[in-house]
Structures are given as C-alpha cells and as structure tokens.
N, C-alpha and C. Protein backbone atom coordinates (compact mmCIF):
# COMPACT_ATOMS: atom_id res chain seq x y z
N MET A 1 -15.26 -10.18 -29.33
CA MET A 1 -15.09 -10.47 -30.73
C MET A 1 -14.39 -11.82 -30.89
N PRO A 2 -15.01 -12.76 -31.61
CA PRO A 2 -14.46 -14.12 -31.69
C PRO A 2 -13.05 -14.17 -32.26
N GLU A 3 -12.76 -13.35 -33.30
CA GLU A 3 -11.43 -13.39 -33.91
C GLU A 3 -10.36 -12.91 -32.94
N ASP A 4 -10.66 -11.82 -32.24
CA ASP A 4 -9.70 -11.30 -31.27
C ASP A 4 -9.52 -12.27 -30.11
N ARG A 5 -10.60 -12.92 -29.68
CA ARG A 5 -10.52 -13.87 -28.58
C ARG A 5 -9.63 -15.05 -28.94
N LYS A 6 -9.71 -15.52 -30.18
CA LYS A 6 -8.86 -16.63 -30.62
C LYS A 6 -7.39 -16.22 -30.66
N MET A 7 -7.11 -14.99 -31.06
CA MET A 7 -5.72 -14.52 -31.12
C MET A 7 -5.08 -14.40 -29.74
N LEU A 8 -5.90 -14.21 -28.70
CA LEU A 8 -5.37 -14.04 -27.35
C LEU A 8 -5.12 -15.34 -26.62
N GLU A 9 -5.50 -16.46 -27.22
CA GLU A 9 -5.24 -17.76 -26.62
C GLU A 9 -3.91 -18.31 -27.13
N PRO A 10 -3.20 -19.13 -26.30
CA PRO A 10 -3.59 -19.63 -24.97
C PRO A 10 -3.20 -18.71 -23.82
N MET A 11 -2.69 -17.51 -24.13
CA MET A 11 -2.21 -16.60 -23.10
C MET A 11 -3.30 -16.26 -22.09
N ALA A 12 -4.50 -15.97 -22.56
CA ALA A 12 -5.59 -15.58 -21.66
C ALA A 12 -5.91 -16.68 -20.67
N THR A 13 -5.95 -17.93 -21.13
CA THR A 13 -6.27 -19.04 -20.24
C THR A 13 -5.16 -19.28 -19.24
N VAL A 14 -3.90 -19.23 -19.69
CA VAL A 14 -2.76 -19.46 -18.80
C VAL A 14 -2.71 -18.41 -17.70
N VAL A 15 -2.87 -17.14 -18.06
CA VAL A 15 -2.84 -16.06 -17.07
C VAL A 15 -3.97 -16.22 -16.06
N SER A 16 -5.16 -16.59 -16.54
CA SER A 16 -6.30 -16.79 -15.64
C SER A 16 -6.03 -17.90 -14.63
N VAL A 17 -5.48 -19.02 -15.10
CA VAL A 17 -5.20 -20.16 -14.21
C VAL A 17 -4.11 -19.81 -13.21
N VAL A 18 -3.02 -19.20 -13.69
CA VAL A 18 -1.90 -18.85 -12.81
C VAL A 18 -2.35 -17.84 -11.74
N LEU A 19 -3.16 -16.87 -12.14
CA LEU A 19 -3.65 -15.87 -11.19
C LEU A 19 -4.48 -16.54 -10.09
N ARG A 20 -5.36 -17.45 -10.47
CA ARG A 20 -6.18 -18.14 -9.46
C ARG A 20 -5.33 -18.99 -8.52
N VAL A 21 -4.32 -19.67 -9.06
CA VAL A 21 -3.45 -20.50 -8.22
C VAL A 21 -2.68 -19.63 -7.23
N LEU A 22 -2.12 -18.51 -7.70
CA LEU A 22 -1.36 -17.64 -6.81
C LEU A 22 -2.24 -17.01 -5.74
N LEU A 23 -3.46 -16.63 -6.10
CA LEU A 23 -4.38 -16.09 -5.10
C LEU A 23 -4.73 -17.13 -4.05
N ALA A 24 -4.91 -18.38 -4.48
CA ALA A 24 -5.21 -19.46 -3.54
C ALA A 24 -4.03 -19.69 -2.60
N LEU A 25 -2.80 -19.68 -3.14
CA LEU A 25 -1.62 -19.88 -2.30
C LEU A 25 -1.43 -18.72 -1.33
N LEU A 26 -1.68 -17.48 -1.80
CA LEU A 26 -1.55 -16.33 -0.91
C LEU A 26 -2.57 -16.37 0.20
N THR A 27 -3.81 -16.75 -0.13
CA THR A 27 -4.85 -16.87 0.89
C THR A 27 -4.50 -17.94 1.91
N ALA A 28 -4.00 -19.09 1.43
CA ALA A 28 -3.59 -20.17 2.34
C ALA A 28 -2.45 -19.72 3.24
N GLY A 29 -1.50 -18.95 2.68
CA GLY A 29 -0.40 -18.44 3.49
C GLY A 29 -0.86 -17.48 4.56
N LEU A 30 -1.83 -16.60 4.22
CA LEU A 30 -2.35 -15.66 5.21
C LEU A 30 -3.09 -16.39 6.33
N VAL A 31 -3.89 -17.40 5.96
CA VAL A 31 -4.61 -18.19 6.97
C VAL A 31 -3.63 -18.90 7.88
N LEU A 32 -2.58 -19.48 7.28
CA LEU A 32 -1.57 -20.19 8.07
C LEU A 32 -0.85 -19.25 9.02
N ALA A 33 -0.57 -18.02 8.54
CA ALA A 33 0.11 -17.04 9.39
C ALA A 33 -0.76 -16.65 10.58
N VAL A 34 -2.06 -16.48 10.33
CA VAL A 34 -2.98 -16.13 11.41
C VAL A 34 -3.09 -17.26 12.42
N VAL A 35 -3.21 -18.49 11.92
CA VAL A 35 -3.32 -19.66 12.81
C VAL A 35 -2.06 -19.83 13.64
N ARG A 36 -0.90 -19.63 13.00
CA ARG A 36 0.37 -19.81 13.68
C ARG A 36 0.67 -18.66 14.63
N GLY A 37 0.00 -17.52 14.39
CA GLY A 37 0.16 -16.39 15.30
C GLY A 37 1.33 -15.50 14.99
N GLY A 38 1.83 -15.54 13.77
CA GLY A 38 2.95 -14.67 13.43
C GLY A 38 3.31 -14.79 11.98
N TRP A 39 4.14 -13.85 11.53
CA TRP A 39 4.58 -13.84 10.15
C TRP A 39 5.96 -14.46 10.05
N GLY A 40 6.28 -14.93 8.86
CA GLY A 40 7.63 -15.43 8.59
C GLY A 40 7.86 -16.81 9.15
N GLY A 41 9.09 -17.28 9.01
CA GLY A 41 9.45 -18.62 9.46
C GLY A 41 9.93 -18.61 10.89
N VAL A 42 10.55 -19.73 11.30
CA VAL A 42 11.06 -19.86 12.66
C VAL A 42 12.22 -18.91 12.87
N SER A 43 13.06 -18.76 11.87
CA SER A 43 14.20 -17.86 11.97
C SER A 43 14.14 -16.81 10.86
N VAL A 44 14.80 -15.69 11.10
CA VAL A 44 14.90 -14.62 10.11
C VAL A 44 16.36 -14.56 9.66
N CYS A 45 16.58 -14.68 8.35
CA CYS A 45 17.93 -14.70 7.81
C CYS A 45 18.09 -13.63 6.74
N VAL A 46 19.30 -13.11 6.64
CA VAL A 46 19.63 -12.12 5.61
C VAL A 46 21.06 -12.36 5.16
N THR A 47 21.28 -12.23 3.87
CA THR A 47 22.61 -12.39 3.29
C THR A 47 23.18 -11.02 2.97
N ASP A 48 24.43 -10.80 3.38
CA ASP A 48 25.09 -9.53 3.11
C ASP A 48 25.71 -9.59 1.72
N ASP A 49 24.92 -9.18 0.72
CA ASP A 49 25.40 -9.22 -0.66
C ASP A 49 26.26 -8.02 -1.03
N SER A 50 26.43 -7.10 -0.11
CA SER A 50 27.17 -5.88 -0.43
C SER A 50 28.67 -6.11 -0.53
N GLY A 51 29.15 -7.21 -0.02
CA GLY A 51 30.58 -7.49 -0.08
C GLY A 51 30.87 -8.93 0.29
N THR A 52 32.08 -9.36 0.05
CA THR A 52 32.50 -10.73 0.37
C THR A 52 33.64 -10.69 1.36
N SER A 53 33.76 -11.77 2.10
CA SER A 53 34.82 -11.88 3.09
C SER A 53 36.05 -12.52 2.45
N SER A 54 37.22 -12.06 2.85
CA SER A 54 38.46 -12.64 2.32
C SER A 54 38.83 -13.92 3.06
N THR A 55 38.13 -14.23 4.15
CA THR A 55 38.42 -15.44 4.90
C THR A 55 37.95 -16.66 4.12
N VAL A 56 38.85 -17.61 3.93
CA VAL A 56 38.49 -18.81 3.19
C VAL A 56 37.64 -19.70 4.06
N PRO A 57 36.41 -20.02 3.64
CA PRO A 57 35.55 -20.88 4.45
C PRO A 57 36.10 -22.29 4.53
N GLY A 58 35.86 -22.92 5.66
CA GLY A 58 36.36 -24.27 5.85
C GLY A 58 35.70 -25.27 4.92
N GLY A 59 36.48 -26.30 4.54
CA GLY A 59 35.94 -27.34 3.68
C GLY A 59 36.14 -27.08 2.21
N PHE A 60 36.65 -25.89 1.83
CA PHE A 60 36.89 -25.58 0.43
C PHE A 60 38.39 -25.60 0.18
N LEU A 61 38.81 -26.36 -0.80
CA LEU A 61 40.22 -26.50 -1.14
C LEU A 61 40.45 -26.03 -2.57
N PRO A 62 40.73 -24.75 -2.76
CA PRO A 62 40.92 -24.24 -4.11
C PRO A 62 42.25 -24.69 -4.71
N GLU A 63 42.29 -24.73 -6.02
CA GLU A 63 43.53 -25.02 -6.72
C GLU A 63 44.49 -23.85 -6.55
N SER A 64 45.73 -24.09 -6.91
CA SER A 64 46.74 -23.05 -6.80
C SER A 64 46.38 -21.87 -7.71
N GLY A 65 46.45 -20.66 -7.16
CA GLY A 65 46.12 -19.47 -7.93
C GLY A 65 44.65 -19.13 -7.95
N VAL A 66 43.83 -19.87 -7.19
CA VAL A 66 42.38 -19.64 -7.14
C VAL A 66 42.00 -19.14 -5.76
N GLN A 67 41.18 -18.09 -5.71
CA GLN A 67 40.71 -17.54 -4.44
C GLN A 67 39.26 -17.93 -4.19
N VAL A 68 38.94 -18.15 -2.95
CA VAL A 68 37.57 -18.49 -2.55
C VAL A 68 37.04 -17.36 -1.69
N GLY A 69 35.93 -16.78 -2.08
CA GLY A 69 35.28 -15.74 -1.29
C GLY A 69 34.07 -16.30 -0.57
N SER A 70 33.67 -15.67 0.50
CA SER A 70 32.50 -16.12 1.25
C SER A 70 31.56 -14.94 1.44
N VAL A 71 30.27 -15.22 1.34
CA VAL A 71 29.24 -14.21 1.56
C VAL A 71 28.56 -14.52 2.89
N PRO A 72 28.67 -13.62 3.87
CA PRO A 72 28.10 -13.91 5.19
C PRO A 72 26.57 -13.92 5.18
N ARG A 73 26.01 -14.85 5.93
CA ARG A 73 24.56 -14.97 6.08
C ARG A 73 24.24 -15.00 7.57
N TYR A 74 23.41 -14.05 8.00
CA TYR A 74 23.07 -13.90 9.41
C TYR A 74 21.64 -14.41 9.64
N CYS A 75 21.47 -15.17 10.71
CA CYS A 75 20.14 -15.70 11.04
C CYS A 75 19.83 -15.46 12.51
N ALA A 76 18.62 -14.97 12.78
CA ALA A 76 18.14 -14.80 14.16
C ALA A 76 17.21 -15.95 14.47
N GLU A 77 17.55 -16.74 15.47
CA GLU A 77 16.76 -17.93 15.78
C GLU A 77 15.44 -17.60 16.44
N ASN A 78 15.41 -16.56 17.25
CA ASN A 78 14.18 -16.16 17.94
C ASN A 78 13.87 -14.70 17.65
N PRO A 79 13.46 -14.39 16.43
CA PRO A 79 13.20 -12.99 16.07
C PRO A 79 11.93 -12.45 16.73
N ASP A 80 11.95 -11.16 17.02
CA ASP A 80 10.75 -10.52 17.57
C ASP A 80 9.82 -10.12 16.44
N ALA A 81 8.68 -9.52 16.80
CA ALA A 81 7.67 -9.17 15.80
C ALA A 81 8.19 -8.13 14.82
N GLN A 82 8.98 -7.16 15.30
CA GLN A 82 9.51 -6.13 14.42
C GLN A 82 10.44 -6.72 13.37
N LEU A 83 11.29 -7.66 13.79
CA LEU A 83 12.22 -8.30 12.87
C LEU A 83 11.49 -9.16 11.85
N ARG A 84 10.43 -9.81 12.29
CA ARG A 84 9.61 -10.62 11.36
C ARG A 84 8.93 -9.73 10.32
N LEU A 85 8.47 -8.56 10.77
CA LEU A 85 7.81 -7.64 9.85
C LEU A 85 8.81 -7.13 8.81
N LEU A 86 10.01 -6.77 9.25
CA LEU A 86 11.03 -6.32 8.32
C LEU A 86 11.41 -7.43 7.34
N ASP A 87 11.48 -8.65 7.84
CA ASP A 87 11.78 -9.79 6.98
C ASP A 87 10.69 -9.99 5.93
N ALA A 88 9.43 -9.83 6.34
CA ALA A 88 8.32 -9.96 5.39
C ALA A 88 8.37 -8.86 4.34
N LEU A 89 8.75 -7.65 4.74
CA LEU A 89 8.85 -6.54 3.80
C LEU A 89 9.99 -6.74 2.80
N GLY A 90 10.89 -7.67 3.11
CA GLY A 90 11.98 -7.96 2.19
C GLY A 90 11.59 -8.87 1.05
N THR A 91 10.41 -9.50 1.13
CA THR A 91 9.99 -10.43 0.07
C THR A 91 8.54 -10.24 -0.38
N LEU A 92 7.67 -9.81 0.53
CA LEU A 92 6.24 -9.73 0.23
C LEU A 92 5.89 -8.74 -0.89
N PRO A 93 6.52 -7.56 -0.96
CA PRO A 93 6.15 -6.63 -2.03
C PRO A 93 6.31 -7.21 -3.44
N SER A 94 7.34 -8.03 -3.66
CA SER A 94 7.52 -8.65 -4.98
C SER A 94 6.35 -9.57 -5.32
N THR A 95 5.90 -10.32 -4.32
CA THR A 95 4.76 -11.21 -4.54
C THR A 95 3.50 -10.42 -4.86
N LEU A 96 3.28 -9.33 -4.11
CA LEU A 96 2.10 -8.50 -4.37
C LEU A 96 2.16 -7.84 -5.74
N LEU A 97 3.37 -7.42 -6.16
CA LEU A 97 3.52 -6.83 -7.49
C LEU A 97 3.23 -7.86 -8.57
N LEU A 98 3.69 -9.08 -8.37
CA LEU A 98 3.44 -10.16 -9.34
C LEU A 98 1.95 -10.43 -9.48
N ILE A 99 1.26 -10.57 -8.34
CA ILE A 99 -0.17 -10.89 -8.38
C ILE A 99 -0.98 -9.73 -8.96
N SER A 100 -0.65 -8.50 -8.55
CA SER A 100 -1.38 -7.34 -9.08
C SER A 100 -1.10 -7.16 -10.57
N GLY A 101 0.14 -7.42 -11.00
CA GLY A 101 0.45 -7.34 -12.42
C GLY A 101 -0.30 -8.38 -13.23
N LEU A 102 -0.39 -9.60 -12.69
CA LEU A 102 -1.16 -10.64 -13.37
C LEU A 102 -2.65 -10.28 -13.42
N PHE A 103 -3.15 -9.65 -12.36
CA PHE A 103 -4.55 -9.23 -12.35
C PHE A 103 -4.82 -8.19 -13.44
N LEU A 104 -3.92 -7.21 -13.56
CA LEU A 104 -4.09 -6.20 -14.61
C LEU A 104 -3.95 -6.81 -16.00
N LEU A 105 -3.03 -7.78 -16.15
CA LEU A 105 -2.88 -8.47 -17.43
C LEU A 105 -4.13 -9.27 -17.76
N HIS A 106 -4.71 -9.91 -16.73
CA HIS A 106 -5.95 -10.67 -16.91
C HIS A 106 -7.09 -9.74 -17.36
N ARG A 107 -7.18 -8.57 -16.72
CA ARG A 107 -8.20 -7.59 -17.12
C ARG A 107 -7.98 -7.11 -18.54
N LEU A 108 -6.71 -6.91 -18.89
CA LEU A 108 -6.38 -6.46 -20.25
C LEU A 108 -6.82 -7.49 -21.29
N LEU A 109 -6.49 -8.77 -21.04
CA LEU A 109 -6.84 -9.82 -21.99
C LEU A 109 -8.35 -10.02 -22.07
N GLN A 110 -9.02 -9.96 -20.93
CA GLN A 110 -10.48 -10.09 -20.93
C GLN A 110 -11.13 -8.93 -21.70
N GLY A 111 -10.65 -7.72 -21.44
CA GLY A 111 -11.20 -6.55 -22.12
C GLY A 111 -10.92 -6.57 -23.61
N ALA A 112 -9.72 -7.01 -24.01
CA ALA A 112 -9.39 -7.08 -25.43
C ALA A 112 -10.24 -8.13 -26.14
N ALA A 113 -10.53 -9.24 -25.45
CA ALA A 113 -11.39 -10.27 -26.05
C ALA A 113 -12.82 -9.77 -26.19
N ARG A 114 -13.27 -8.91 -25.27
CA ARG A 114 -14.64 -8.41 -25.29
C ARG A 114 -14.79 -7.21 -26.23
N ASP A 115 -13.86 -6.24 -26.12
CA ASP A 115 -14.00 -5.00 -26.87
C ASP A 115 -13.26 -5.00 -28.19
N GLY A 116 -12.27 -5.88 -28.32
CA GLY A 116 -11.42 -5.87 -29.50
C GLY A 116 -10.01 -5.43 -29.14
N ILE A 117 -9.03 -5.89 -29.91
CA ILE A 117 -7.63 -5.57 -29.62
C ILE A 117 -7.30 -4.13 -29.97
N HIS A 118 -7.69 -3.69 -31.16
CA HIS A 118 -7.35 -2.35 -31.62
C HIS A 118 -8.44 -1.35 -31.23
N THR A 119 -8.50 -1.09 -29.91
CA THR A 119 -9.46 -0.13 -29.39
C THR A 119 -8.76 0.81 -28.40
N VAL A 120 -9.41 1.94 -28.16
CA VAL A 120 -8.85 2.92 -27.23
C VAL A 120 -8.81 2.34 -25.81
N ARG A 121 -9.81 1.56 -25.44
CA ARG A 121 -9.84 0.96 -24.10
C ARG A 121 -8.67 -0.01 -23.90
N THR A 122 -8.39 -0.83 -24.92
CA THR A 122 -7.27 -1.76 -24.81
C THR A 122 -5.95 -1.01 -24.71
N ALA A 123 -5.81 0.07 -25.45
CA ALA A 123 -4.60 0.89 -25.35
C ALA A 123 -4.45 1.46 -23.94
N GLY A 124 -5.56 1.88 -23.35
CA GLY A 124 -5.52 2.39 -21.97
C GLY A 124 -5.11 1.31 -20.98
N ARG A 125 -5.58 0.09 -21.20
CA ARG A 125 -5.20 -1.01 -20.31
C ARG A 125 -3.71 -1.36 -20.47
N PHE A 126 -3.20 -1.31 -21.69
CA PHE A 126 -1.77 -1.50 -21.92
C PHE A 126 -0.97 -0.45 -21.16
N ARG A 127 -1.42 0.80 -21.27
CA ARG A 127 -0.71 1.90 -20.61
C ARG A 127 -0.73 1.74 -19.09
N ARG A 128 -1.88 1.34 -18.54
CA ARG A 128 -2.01 1.17 -17.09
C ARG A 128 -1.07 0.07 -16.59
N LEU A 129 -1.03 -1.05 -17.30
CA LEU A 129 -0.16 -2.15 -16.90
C LEU A 129 1.31 -1.76 -17.05
N GLY A 130 1.63 -1.03 -18.11
CA GLY A 130 3.02 -0.61 -18.31
C GLY A 130 3.53 0.29 -17.21
N TRP A 131 2.73 1.31 -16.85
CA TRP A 131 3.14 2.21 -15.76
C TRP A 131 3.20 1.47 -14.42
N TRP A 132 2.28 0.52 -14.22
CA TRP A 132 2.26 -0.24 -12.96
C TRP A 132 3.56 -1.05 -12.80
N LEU A 133 3.98 -1.71 -13.87
CA LEU A 133 5.21 -2.50 -13.81
C LEU A 133 6.44 -1.61 -13.71
N LEU A 134 6.45 -0.54 -14.47
CA LEU A 134 7.61 0.35 -14.50
C LEU A 134 7.85 1.00 -13.14
N LEU A 135 6.82 1.67 -12.61
CA LEU A 135 6.97 2.36 -11.33
C LEU A 135 6.92 1.38 -10.15
N GLY A 136 6.04 0.37 -10.26
CA GLY A 136 5.89 -0.58 -9.16
C GLY A 136 7.16 -1.37 -8.90
N SER A 137 7.85 -1.79 -9.95
CA SER A 137 9.07 -2.57 -9.76
C SER A 137 10.15 -1.74 -9.07
N LEU A 138 10.24 -0.45 -9.40
CA LEU A 138 11.22 0.42 -8.74
C LEU A 138 10.87 0.64 -7.27
N VAL A 139 9.59 0.88 -6.99
CA VAL A 139 9.16 1.08 -5.60
C VAL A 139 9.39 -0.19 -4.78
N VAL A 140 9.03 -1.34 -5.35
CA VAL A 140 9.20 -2.61 -4.65
C VAL A 140 10.67 -2.86 -4.33
N GLU A 141 11.56 -2.60 -5.28
CA GLU A 141 12.98 -2.83 -5.04
C GLU A 141 13.52 -1.90 -3.96
N ILE A 142 13.04 -0.65 -3.93
CA ILE A 142 13.47 0.28 -2.89
C ILE A 142 13.01 -0.21 -1.51
N VAL A 143 11.74 -0.63 -1.41
CA VAL A 143 11.19 -1.10 -0.14
C VAL A 143 11.93 -2.35 0.33
N GLU A 144 12.13 -3.31 -0.57
CA GLU A 144 12.77 -4.56 -0.18
C GLU A 144 14.24 -4.36 0.18
N ALA A 145 14.95 -3.50 -0.55
CA ALA A 145 16.35 -3.24 -0.23
C ALA A 145 16.48 -2.56 1.12
N ASN A 146 15.57 -1.61 1.41
CA ASN A 146 15.58 -0.97 2.73
C ASN A 146 15.28 -1.96 3.84
N ALA A 147 14.32 -2.86 3.60
CA ALA A 147 13.96 -3.85 4.61
C ALA A 147 15.13 -4.79 4.87
N ARG A 148 15.81 -5.25 3.81
CA ARG A 148 16.96 -6.14 3.99
C ARG A 148 18.09 -5.43 4.71
N ALA A 149 18.30 -4.15 4.38
CA ALA A 149 19.35 -3.38 5.05
C ALA A 149 19.03 -3.20 6.53
N ALA A 150 17.75 -2.99 6.85
CA ALA A 150 17.35 -2.83 8.25
C ALA A 150 17.54 -4.14 9.02
N VAL A 151 17.19 -5.27 8.40
CA VAL A 151 17.39 -6.57 9.05
C VAL A 151 18.88 -6.82 9.27
N LEU A 152 19.68 -6.52 8.26
CA LEU A 152 21.13 -6.73 8.37
C LEU A 152 21.71 -5.87 9.48
N ALA A 153 21.23 -4.62 9.61
CA ALA A 153 21.71 -3.74 10.67
C ALA A 153 21.35 -4.27 12.05
N GLU A 154 20.21 -4.98 12.14
CA GLU A 154 19.79 -5.55 13.43
C GLU A 154 20.62 -6.79 13.79
N LEU A 155 21.08 -7.53 12.77
CA LEU A 155 21.72 -8.82 13.03
C LEU A 155 23.25 -8.77 13.00
N ALA A 156 23.82 -7.77 12.35
CA ALA A 156 25.28 -7.70 12.22
C ALA A 156 25.82 -6.44 12.89
N LYS A 157 26.80 -6.60 13.74
CA LYS A 157 27.41 -5.46 14.42
C LYS A 157 28.16 -4.56 13.46
N SER A 158 28.66 -5.14 12.38
CA SER A 158 29.47 -4.37 11.43
C SER A 158 28.62 -3.60 10.42
N ALA A 159 27.30 -3.76 10.47
CA ALA A 159 26.42 -3.12 9.48
C ALA A 159 25.57 -2.05 10.14
N ASP A 160 25.40 -0.95 9.44
CA ASP A 160 24.54 0.15 9.89
C ASP A 160 23.46 0.40 8.84
N PHE A 161 22.32 0.90 9.30
CA PHE A 161 21.22 1.20 8.38
C PHE A 161 21.43 2.59 7.81
N THR A 162 22.14 2.66 6.69
CA THR A 162 22.44 3.91 6.04
C THR A 162 22.04 3.83 4.57
N ALA A 163 22.13 4.97 3.88
CA ALA A 163 21.81 4.99 2.45
C ALA A 163 22.77 4.09 1.67
N GLY A 164 24.04 4.11 2.07
CA GLY A 164 25.02 3.24 1.41
C GLY A 164 24.73 1.77 1.62
N ALA A 165 24.17 1.43 2.80
CA ALA A 165 23.88 0.03 3.09
C ALA A 165 22.77 -0.50 2.19
N TRP A 166 21.68 0.27 2.03
CA TRP A 166 20.60 -0.25 1.20
C TRP A 166 20.92 -0.16 -0.28
N LEU A 167 21.78 0.80 -0.67
CA LEU A 167 22.21 0.85 -2.06
C LEU A 167 23.06 -0.37 -2.41
N GLY A 168 23.81 -0.87 -1.41
CA GLY A 168 24.61 -2.07 -1.63
C GLY A 168 23.76 -3.31 -1.82
N LEU A 169 22.55 -3.29 -1.27
CA LEU A 169 21.63 -4.43 -1.41
C LEU A 169 20.62 -4.21 -2.53
N TRP A 170 20.69 -3.08 -3.21
CA TRP A 170 19.77 -2.74 -4.30
C TRP A 170 20.19 -3.45 -5.58
N SER A 171 19.24 -3.96 -6.30
CA SER A 171 19.50 -4.51 -7.63
C SER A 171 18.44 -3.97 -8.58
N THR A 172 18.87 -3.37 -9.67
CA THR A 172 17.95 -2.72 -10.61
C THR A 172 17.07 -3.77 -11.30
N PRO A 173 15.74 -3.61 -11.27
CA PRO A 173 14.83 -4.58 -11.93
C PRO A 173 14.75 -4.34 -13.43
N TYR A 174 15.84 -4.66 -14.12
CA TYR A 174 15.93 -4.36 -15.55
C TYR A 174 14.78 -4.96 -16.35
N LEU A 175 14.47 -6.24 -16.10
CA LEU A 175 13.46 -6.93 -16.90
C LEU A 175 12.09 -6.28 -16.73
N ALA A 176 11.72 -5.98 -15.48
CA ALA A 176 10.41 -5.36 -15.23
C ALA A 176 10.35 -3.96 -15.85
N VAL A 177 11.44 -3.20 -15.76
CA VAL A 177 11.46 -1.85 -16.33
C VAL A 177 11.32 -1.92 -17.85
N LEU A 178 12.08 -2.82 -18.48
CA LEU A 178 12.00 -2.95 -19.94
C LEU A 178 10.63 -3.45 -20.38
N THR A 179 10.04 -4.36 -19.58
CA THR A 179 8.69 -4.85 -19.90
C THR A 179 7.67 -3.71 -19.81
N GLY A 180 7.79 -2.88 -18.76
CA GLY A 180 6.90 -1.74 -18.62
C GLY A 180 7.03 -0.77 -19.78
N LEU A 181 8.28 -0.48 -20.18
CA LEU A 181 8.49 0.41 -21.32
C LEU A 181 7.93 -0.19 -22.61
N GLY A 182 8.08 -1.53 -22.75
CA GLY A 182 7.53 -2.20 -23.93
C GLY A 182 6.02 -2.11 -23.98
N LEU A 183 5.37 -2.25 -22.82
CA LEU A 183 3.91 -2.16 -22.78
C LEU A 183 3.43 -0.74 -23.10
N LEU A 184 4.18 0.25 -22.65
CA LEU A 184 3.82 1.63 -22.99
C LEU A 184 3.94 1.87 -24.50
N THR A 185 4.95 1.24 -25.11
CA THR A 185 5.09 1.33 -26.57
C THR A 185 3.93 0.63 -27.27
N PHE A 186 3.55 -0.57 -26.76
CA PHE A 186 2.42 -1.29 -27.35
C PHE A 186 1.13 -0.49 -27.20
N ALA A 187 1.03 0.28 -26.10
CA ALA A 187 -0.16 1.11 -25.91
C ALA A 187 -0.26 2.16 -27.02
N ARG A 188 0.86 2.76 -27.38
CA ARG A 188 0.86 3.76 -28.45
C ARG A 188 0.54 3.11 -29.79
N ILE A 189 1.10 1.91 -30.02
CA ILE A 189 0.81 1.20 -31.28
C ILE A 189 -0.66 0.84 -31.37
N THR A 190 -1.21 0.34 -30.25
CA THR A 190 -2.62 -0.05 -30.23
C THR A 190 -3.52 1.16 -30.44
N LEU A 191 -3.15 2.29 -29.83
CA LEU A 191 -3.94 3.51 -30.01
C LEU A 191 -3.90 3.98 -31.46
N ALA A 192 -2.73 3.87 -32.10
CA ALA A 192 -2.62 4.24 -33.51
C ALA A 192 -3.47 3.30 -34.37
N GLY A 193 -3.46 1.99 -34.03
CA GLY A 193 -4.29 1.03 -34.75
C GLY A 193 -5.76 1.31 -34.59
N ALA A 194 -6.14 1.74 -33.39
CA ALA A 194 -7.55 2.06 -33.15
C ALA A 194 -7.98 3.27 -33.98
N SER A 195 -7.09 4.27 -34.09
CA SER A 195 -7.42 5.45 -34.91
C SER A 195 -7.55 5.08 -36.38
N MET A 196 -6.64 4.22 -36.86
CA MET A 196 -6.72 3.77 -38.26
C MET A 196 -7.99 2.98 -38.51
N ARG A 197 -8.36 2.16 -37.50
CA ARG A 197 -9.58 1.37 -37.66
C ARG A 197 -10.80 2.26 -37.74
N GLU A 198 -10.85 3.28 -36.90
CA GLU A 198 -11.97 4.21 -36.94
C GLU A 198 -12.03 4.96 -38.27
N ASP A 199 -10.85 5.33 -38.80
CA ASP A 199 -10.82 6.03 -40.09
C ASP A 199 -11.32 5.14 -41.21
N LEU A 200 -10.91 3.84 -41.18
CA LEU A 200 -11.36 2.91 -42.22
C LEU A 200 -12.87 2.67 -42.14
N GLU A 201 -13.38 2.54 -40.91
CA GLU A 201 -14.81 2.34 -40.74
C GLU A 201 -15.59 3.56 -41.23
N GLY A 202 -14.99 4.76 -41.02
CA GLY A 202 -15.64 5.97 -41.48
C GLY A 202 -15.68 6.06 -43.00
N VAL A 203 -14.59 5.57 -43.65
CA VAL A 203 -14.54 5.57 -45.11
C VAL A 203 -15.54 4.60 -45.70
N VAL A 204 -15.61 3.38 -45.06
CA VAL A 204 -16.54 2.36 -45.55
C VAL A 204 -17.97 2.80 -45.30
C-alpha cells in the first residue's frame, strides 16, 4: 500500500542498509577466522567487574580525601581453543541477537508496506519481534555472563566458576526488555486497529 509504505520511510531503508552491512561484516569475519585458523584475537582478555581492588594503581595521584579503585583485567597471551571458544561466547551472542532482531524488523517493515500497517499479519510480526527481543536478550545475557565467568575462572586463581561469579558479571538488559515489552504493546494496538478497520469496511 503506497500510503503505508511512505509512512514507514526512512526507517525501512535504514534498517535494510544496516542489515546488509552487518551481514557483510559478519561474513567477512567468518571468512577471516577460517583463513586464520581460529576464533578470537591473539590474546583472550576478561575484566573482573564483580569487584574492585583497594590497591592504588601506579601513576595515579588522587587529591586528599579521594580514593582510587582499580578493576583487574586478565589476559592470556597464548589461549587454547577452549578459551577462545569461551571468549567468543562472551560477545558473539549479542551480535547474533542484533542481526536477527534487525532481520525480523526488516521483515516487519516489508510486510507492513506490502499488507498494510493495521493488519493481523503486522500485529503478529510485532508480537514475534517483541518476544524475540524480550526472551533473546535475557538468554544472551545469561550465556555471555557464564562465558565471561568461565574465562575469568580459567585466568584468575582467586576466581571460581560458580553461580555467584556469573551473577557478579550479569547486567540486566533493561533497554532490550523494555523495547520487547513496547513491541508487544504495539502488537495489541495494531491488532485492535485491524479489528476496527475490518468493522469499518464491513459497515461501508
């Protein structure tokens, strides 16, 4: 529908371009990883965000009455394949969630431009994207926090891979959760609009 297609711009074009660029970068990264014969960089690093050290790092001169905290960062110069895999699991799921979310958003915008905004199909696409972001962001954060905790346990003698360790590295994805809930709300609004549209068409 031409009117609906105009209302979806420039969002539809921007999402389409960004999705293609990210897919190209991901493909190039996979090819480079295969050519190089391994995943990740030369070294594997993890930051212990669960706490700070009371030891004042060298080179910092605080004013009187000011404390300086330090966050330890551990790096393995020659990581094995298992450590590289854990390191990849600490960042890759977020990238996959971003690309898959953009793909679903692209499908939603394409479908809305073709079928119309106030339709049952568009409401279903809103609902699918909302649940994907809501549940996917929580699953991704759990996987990445566990992976970071496992890497930290491998690199630091003072760290163990326990439930408390990964909870200390967990950060709630508030924005993604709120966005998912917002999309589920938009799905209900769109479905109500579709019902009203059908009623009006029936009256006319």
